[in-house]
Amino acid sequence: MAEHHSGPVEVGASMDYAEHDKTYSGFLFAAKYGAMIIAILMICMAVGFFTAAGFVFSTLLFIVLTALGFYLL
């Protein structure tokens, strides 16, 4: 016959909310800055490949824009 449960379905360890918040904050940090770096990289690759600026200018532009992005975010 079927068993009748009156308690919660999942009985386990209690949530560690402090650790959950740290993990979520780390994920948001990585997503935000990772997206910024990828966007800057695409812009600098376009400048380096499709203009006469060259590799050195494109690399310097990447460094400057990345520093500016970290400052603004």
Protein backbone atom coordinates (compact mmCIF):
# COMPACT_ATOMS: atom_id res chain seq x y z
CA MET A 1 0.00 0.00 0.00
CA ALA A 2 1.00 3.62 -0.37
CA GLU A 3 2.89 5.30 2.40
CA HIS A 4 1.58 8.55 3.81
CA HIS A 5 4.23 11.17 4.52
CA SER A 6 3.43 14.24 6.51
CA GLY A 7 6.90 15.85 6.39
CA PRO A 8 8.91 17.42 3.58
CA VAL A 9 9.79 15.29 0.60
CA GLU A 10 13.47 16.13 0.76
CA VAL A 11 15.03 15.63 4.15
CA GLY A 12 18.67 16.56 4.10
CA ALA A 13 21.20 19.01 5.41
CA SER A 14 20.09 22.57 5.90
CA MET A 15 21.11 25.15 3.29
CA ASP A 16 24.35 27.02 3.81
CA TYR A 17 23.07 30.40 2.66
CA ALA A 18 26.35 32.23 3.22
CA GLU A 19 28.13 29.83 0.87
CA HIS A 20 25.27 30.07 -1.62
CA ASP A 21 25.55 33.87 -1.66
CA LYS A 22 29.33 33.70 -2.16
CA THR A 23 28.91 31.30 -5.09
CA TYR A 24 26.21 33.46 -6.69
CA SER A 25 28.31 36.61 -6.28
CA GLY A 26 31.29 34.84 -7.84
CA PHE A 27 29.18 33.72 -10.79
CA LEU A 28 27.86 37.24 -11.35
CA PHE A 29 31.39 38.65 -11.16
CA ALA A 30 32.69 36.12 -13.70
CA ALA A 31 29.74 36.62 -16.05
CA LYS A 32 29.91 40.41 -15.94
CA TYR A 33 33.66 40.79 -16.40
CA GLY A 34 33.93 37.83 -18.77
CA ALA A 35 31.32 39.34 -21.09
CA MET A 36 33.12 42.67 -20.92
CA ILE A 37 36.48 41.14 -21.82
CA ILE A 38 35.00 39.12 -24.71
CA ALA A 39 33.30 42.24 -26.12
CA ILE A 40 36.51 44.27 -25.85
CA LEU A 41 38.47 41.44 -27.45
CA MET A 42 36.07 41.34 -30.41
CA ILE A 43 36.33 45.11 -30.87
CA CYS A 44 40.12 45.03 -30.74
CA MET A 45 40.31 42.10 -33.14
CA ALA A 46 38.14 44.02 -35.59
CA VAL A 47 40.41 47.06 -35.26
CA GLY A 48 43.51 44.93 -35.71
CA PHE A 49 42.31 42.87 -38.67
CA PHE A 50 40.15 45.29 -40.66
CA THR A 51 42.05 48.57 -40.32
CA ALA A 52 45.63 49.61 -40.91
CA ALA A 53 46.19 49.98 -37.15
CA GLY A 54 48.01 46.67 -36.76
CA PHE A 55 48.70 44.25 -33.96
CA VAL A 56 50.58 46.56 -31.59
CA PHE A 57 47.89 49.27 -31.57
CA SER A 58 45.17 46.64 -31.19
CA THR A 59 46.96 45.12 -28.19
CA LEU A 60 47.42 48.53 -26.57
CA LEU A 61 43.77 49.33 -27.22
CA PHE A 62 42.77 46.06 -25.55
CA ILE A 63 44.81 46.88 -22.45
CA VAL A 64 43.42 50.43 -22.21
CA LEU A 65 39.80 49.40 -22.77
CA THR A 66 40.07 46.52 -20.30
CA ALA A 67 41.49 48.82 -17.62
CA LEU A 68 38.77 51.36 -18.34
CA GLY A 69 36.10 48.64 -18.19
CA PHE A 70 37.33 47.36 -14.83
CA TYR A 71 37.34 50.93 -13.52
CA LEU A 72 33.81 51.67 -14.73
CA LEU A 73 32.22 48.37 -13.69
